[in-house]
Amino acid sequence: MLEQVMTGLVVCVAVLVLASAYGVLHRRRSGRVRVRGRDDGKRLGAAELGDGLGERATLVQFSSAFCAPCRATRRTLTEVAAMVPGVTHVEIDAEQRLELVRALDILKTPTVLVLDAEGRIVRRATGQPRKADVIAALGEAV
């Protein structure tokens, strides 16, 4: 009997440790702005975005209707676009543009793409990015 209780306790502790480690890792990666990876060489234009590119850079946000972090991301990107001349913020409803979501391998909302003046994807953030990270990513795009 004592052996079964100890086995159950060890399994419970192991599950808690693994779940905590996953939670910490997931939290650290969410919202992080990455340098080009899978997007290397991909370009987006007015036809794909449904709006024009910014003179210097474009912040493209993929959102969904019931996404709370999407609203906060919208505020952040709107503020940054207003602060930096020549930068445009375009929001795309992921549910309405599934072909584009699949082509760009968007797996979660919000996802933010930072495009340079020619529409090349230079940075990508999955989750809610910090304002400082967005501004730093724009530095590479302009």
C-alpha atoms as a PDB file:
ATOM      1  CA  MET A   1       0.000   0.000   0.000  1.00  0.00           C
ATOM      2  CA  LEU A   2       2.766   2.444   0.980  1.00  0.00           C
ATOM      3  CA  GLU A   3       4.588   1.539  -2.213  1.00  0.00           C
ATOM      4  CA  GLN A   4       1.549   2.489  -4.352  1.00  0.00           C
ATOM      5  CA  VAL A   5       1.192   5.836  -2.560  1.00  0.00           C
ATOM      6  CA  MET A   6       4.885   6.620  -3.090  1.00  0.00           C
ATOM      7  CA  THR A   7       4.667   5.694  -6.783  1.00  0.00           C
ATOM      8  CA  GLY A   8       1.633   7.940  -7.210  1.00  0.00           C
ATOM      9  CA  LEU A   9       3.406  10.786  -5.414  1.00  0.00           C
ATOM     10  CA  VAL A  10       6.506  10.436  -7.611  1.00  0.00           C
ATOM     11  CA  VAL A  11       4.382  10.462 -10.783  1.00  0.00           C
ATOM     12  CA  CYS A  12       2.463  13.518  -9.561  1.00  0.00           C
ATOM     13  CA  VAL A  13       5.668  15.426  -8.785  1.00  0.00           C
ATOM     14  CA  ALA A  14       7.166  14.476 -12.162  1.00  0.00           C
ATOM     15  CA  VAL A  15       4.071  15.721 -14.010  1.00  0.00           C
ATOM     16  CA  LEU A  16       4.134  19.013 -12.078  1.00  0.00           C
ATOM     17  CA  VAL A  17       7.816  19.560 -12.841  1.00  0.00           C
ATOM     18  CA  LEU A  18       7.354  18.843 -16.561  1.00  0.00           C
ATOM     19  CA  ALA A  19       4.262  21.068 -16.790  1.00  0.00           C
ATOM     20  CA  SER A  20       6.082  23.909 -15.030  1.00  0.00           C
ATOM     21  CA  ALA A  21       9.083  23.607 -17.334  1.00  0.00           C
ATOM     22  CA  TYR A  22       6.822  23.673 -20.396  1.00  0.00           C
ATOM     23  CA  GLY A  23       4.969  26.725 -19.034  1.00  0.00           C
ATOM     24  CA  VAL A  24       8.183  28.649 -18.428  1.00  0.00           C
ATOM     25  CA  LEU A  25       9.539  27.783 -21.891  1.00  0.00           C
ATOM     26  CA  HIS A  26       6.269  28.689 -23.606  1.00  0.00           C
ATOM     27  CA  ARG A  27       6.065  32.031 -21.777  1.00  0.00           C
ATOM     28  CA  ARG A  28       9.644  32.948 -22.719  1.00  0.00           C
ATOM     29  CA  ARG A  29       9.056  32.243 -26.422  1.00  0.00           C
ATOM     30  CA  SER A  30       5.646  33.944 -26.730  1.00  0.00           C
ATOM     31  CA  GLY A  31       5.838  37.460 -28.150  1.00  0.00           C
ATOM     32  CA  ARG A  32       9.510  37.156 -29.009  1.00  0.00           C
ATOM     33  CA  VAL A  33      10.494  38.814 -32.268  1.00  0.00           C
ATOM     34  CA  ARG A  34      12.616  36.476 -34.387  1.00  0.00           C
ATOM     35  CA  VAL A  35      14.940  37.213 -37.279  1.00  0.00           C
ATOM     36  CA  ARG A  36      14.028  35.725 -40.650  1.00  0.00           C
ATOM     37  CA  GLY A  37      13.766  31.992 -40.666  1.00  0.00           C
ATOM     38  CA  ARG A  38      11.227  30.090 -42.686  1.00  0.00           C
ATOM     39  CA  ASP A  39      10.075  33.407 -44.214  1.00  0.00           C
ATOM     40  CA  ASP A  40      13.401  34.093 -45.896  1.00  0.00           C
ATOM     41  CA  GLY A  41      12.747  35.591 -49.313  1.00  0.00           C
ATOM     42  CA  LYS A  42       8.950  35.802 -49.030  1.00  0.00           C
ATOM     43  CA  ARG A  43       7.368  39.078 -50.096  1.00  0.00           C
ATOM     44  CA  LEU A  44       3.899  40.472 -49.556  1.00  0.00           C
ATOM     45  CA  GLY A  45       2.302  43.227 -51.576  1.00  0.00           C
ATOM     46  CA  ALA A  46      -0.880  45.273 -51.603  1.00  0.00           C
ATOM     47  CA  ALA A  47      -2.768  42.403 -53.273  1.00  0.00           C
ATOM     48  CA  GLU A  48      -2.045  39.982 -50.411  1.00  0.00           C
ATOM     49  CA  LEU A  49      -2.465  42.565 -47.651  1.00  0.00           C
ATOM     50  CA  GLY A  50      -5.572  44.260 -48.981  1.00  0.00           C
ATOM     51  CA  ASP A  51      -3.810  47.561 -48.210  1.00  0.00           C
ATOM     52  CA  GLY A  52      -0.703  49.390 -49.380  1.00  0.00           C
ATOM     53  CA  LEU A  53       2.789  48.953 -47.981  1.00  0.00           C
ATOM     54  CA  GLY A  54       4.306  51.640 -45.778  1.00  0.00           C
ATOM     55  CA  GLU A  55       6.991  53.885 -47.279  1.00  0.00           C
ATOM     56  CA  ARG A  56       9.652  52.527 -44.942  1.00  0.00           C
ATOM     57  CA  ALA A  57       8.100  49.432 -43.305  1.00  0.00           C
ATOM     58  CA  THR A  58       4.818  47.642 -42.660  1.00  0.00           C
ATOM     59  CA  LEU A  59       3.617  45.892 -39.509  1.00  0.00           C
ATOM     60  CA  VAL A  60       1.257  43.063 -40.480  1.00  0.00           C
ATOM     61  CA  GLN A  61      -0.864  41.597 -37.680  1.00  0.00           C
ATOM     62  CA  PHE A  62      -2.831  38.359 -38.047  1.00  0.00           C
ATOM     63  CA  SER A  63      -5.729  38.361 -35.569  1.00  0.00           C
ATOM     64  CA  SER A  64      -8.907  36.490 -34.764  1.00  0.00           C
ATOM     65  CA  ALA A  65     -12.211  37.683 -33.336  1.00  0.00           C
ATOM     66  CA  PHE A  66     -11.973  36.227 -29.833  1.00  0.00           C
ATOM     67  CA  CYS A  67      -8.261  36.806 -29.229  1.00  0.00           C
ATOM     68  CA  ALA A  68      -7.627  39.027 -26.187  1.00  0.00           C
ATOM     69  CA  PRO A  69      -3.869  39.470 -26.847  1.00  0.00           C
ATOM     70  CA  CYS A  70      -4.783  40.611 -30.379  1.00  0.00           C
ATOM     71  CA  ARG A  71      -6.450  43.763 -29.014  1.00  0.00           C
ATOM     72  CA  ALA A  72      -3.383  44.662 -26.944  1.00  0.00           C
ATOM     73  CA  THR A  73      -1.132  43.939 -29.927  1.00  0.00           C
ATOM     74  CA  ARG A  74      -3.305  46.182 -32.132  1.00  0.00           C
ATOM     75  CA  ARG A  75      -2.836  49.054 -29.655  1.00  0.00           C
ATOM     76  CA  THR A  76       0.919  48.522 -29.492  1.00  0.00           C
ATOM     77  CA  LEU A  77       1.381  48.347 -33.269  1.00  0.00           C
ATOM     78  CA  THR A  78      -0.875  51.362 -33.858  1.00  0.00           C
ATOM     79  CA  GLU A  79       1.177  53.386 -31.363  1.00  0.00           C
ATOM     80  CA  VAL A  80       4.472  52.331 -32.951  1.00  0.00           C
ATOM     81  CA  ALA A  81       3.200  53.082 -36.479  1.00  0.00           C
ATOM     82  CA  ALA A  82       2.139  56.553 -35.309  1.00  0.00           C
ATOM     83  CA  MET A  83       5.562  57.169 -33.707  1.00  0.00           C
ATOM     84  CA  VAL A  84       7.709  56.120 -36.666  1.00  0.00           C
ATOM     85  CA  PRO A  85       7.239  58.037 -39.948  1.00  0.00           C
ATOM     86  CA  GLY A  86       6.653  55.881 -43.021  1.00  0.00           C
ATOM     87  CA  VAL A  87       5.454  52.840 -41.066  1.00  0.00           C
ATOM     88  CA  THR A  88       1.993  51.366 -41.671  1.00  0.00           C
ATOM     89  CA  HIS A  89       0.023  48.887 -39.539  1.00  0.00           C
ATOM     90  CA  VAL A  90      -2.191  46.386 -41.386  1.00  0.00           C
ATOM     91  CA  GLU A  91      -4.437  43.967 -39.491  1.00  0.00           C
ATOM     92  CA  ILE A  92      -5.642  40.800 -41.202  1.00  0.00           C
ATOM     93  CA  ASP A  93      -8.428  38.562 -39.900  1.00  0.00           C
ATOM     94  CA  ALA A  94      -6.874  35.097 -39.985  1.00  0.00           C
ATOM     95  CA  GLU A  95     -10.264  33.396 -40.339  1.00  0.00           C
ATOM     96  CA  GLN A  96     -11.087  35.439 -43.452  1.00  0.00           C
ATOM     97  CA  ARG A  97      -7.700  34.883 -45.148  1.00  0.00           C
ATOM     98  CA  LEU A  98      -6.976  31.181 -44.607  1.00  0.00           C
ATOM     99  CA  GLU A  99      -5.036  30.836 -47.879  1.00  0.00           C
ATOM    100  CA  LEU A 100      -2.571  33.520 -46.749  1.00  0.00           C
ATOM    101  CA  VAL A 101      -2.391  32.044 -43.232  1.00  0.00           C
ATOM    102  CA  ARG A 102      -1.466  28.654 -44.685  1.00  0.00           C
ATOM    103  CA  ALA A 103       1.036  30.118 -47.160  1.00  0.00           C
ATOM    104  CA  LEU A 104       2.849  31.984 -44.377  1.00  0.00           C
ATOM    105  CA  ASP A 105       2.577  29.146 -41.835  1.00  0.00           C
ATOM    106  CA  ILE A 106       0.687  31.250 -39.270  1.00  0.00           C
ATOM    107  CA  LEU A 107      -0.105  28.866 -36.415  1.00  0.00           C
ATOM    108  CA  LYS A 108      -1.412  31.208 -33.726  1.00  0.00           C
ATOM    109  CA  THR A 109      -2.869  34.677 -33.233  1.00  0.00           C
ATOM    110  CA  PRO A 110      -1.585  37.250 -32.811  1.00  0.00           C
ATOM    111  CA  THR A 111       1.286  36.807 -35.221  1.00  0.00           C
ATOM    112  CA  VAL A 112       3.107  39.949 -36.347  1.00  0.00           C
ATOM    113  CA  LEU A 113       5.235  40.186 -39.481  1.00  0.00           C
ATOM    114  CA  VAL A 114       7.600  43.115 -39.993  1.00  0.00           C
ATOM    115  CA  LEU A 115       8.030  43.917 -43.685  1.00  0.00           C
ATOM    116  CA  ASP A 116      10.622  46.198 -45.237  1.00  0.00           C
ATOM    117  CA  ALA A 117       9.711  48.800 -47.895  1.00  0.00           C
ATOM    118  CA  GLU A 118       9.720  46.144 -50.655  1.00  0.00           C
ATOM    119  CA  GLY A 119       7.416  43.835 -48.680  1.00  0.00           C
ATOM    120  CA  ARG A 120      10.089  41.301 -47.639  1.00  0.00           C
ATOM    121  CA  ILE A 121       9.445  39.641 -44.281  1.00  0.00           C
ATOM    122  CA  VAL A 122      12.376  40.556 -42.019  1.00  0.00           C
ATOM    123  CA  ARG A 123      10.977  39.669 -38.597  1.00  0.00           C
ATOM    124  CA  ARG A 124       8.165  37.593 -37.092  1.00  0.00           C
ATOM    125  CA  ALA A 125       6.617  37.541 -33.622  1.00  0.00           C
ATOM    126  CA  THR A 126       4.157  34.942 -32.382  1.00  0.00           C
ATOM    127  CA  GLY A 127       2.154  36.124 -29.401  1.00  0.00           C
ATOM    128  CA  GLN A 128       1.951  39.621 -28.004  1.00  0.00           C
ATOM    129  CA  PRO A 129       5.225  41.480 -28.691  1.00  0.00           C
ATOM    130  CA  ARG A 130       6.595  44.208 -26.463  1.00  0.00           C
ATOM    131  CA  LYS A 131       6.710  47.734 -27.876  1.00  0.00           C
ATOM    132  CA  ALA A 132      10.504  47.912 -27.485  1.00  0.00           C
ATOM    133  CA  ASP A 133      10.921  44.679 -29.486  1.00  0.00           C
ATOM    134  CA  VAL A 134       8.699  46.009 -32.302  1.00  0.00           C
ATOM    135  CA  ILE A 135      10.695  49.257 -32.474  1.00  0.00           C
ATOM    136  CA  ALA A 136      13.971  47.271 -32.549  1.00  0.00           C
ATOM    137  CA  ALA A 137      12.607  45.040 -35.337  1.00  0.00           C
ATOM    138  CA  LEU A 138      11.671  48.136 -37.331  1.00  0.00           C
ATOM    139  CA  GLY A 139      15.287  49.249 -37.070  1.00  0.00           C
ATOM    140  CA  GLU A 140      16.253  46.280 -39.223  1.00  0.00           C
ATOM    141  CA  ALA A 141      13.421  46.833 -41.691  1.00  0.00           C
ATOM    142  CA  VAL A 142      14.227  50.499 -42.417  1.00  0.00           C
END
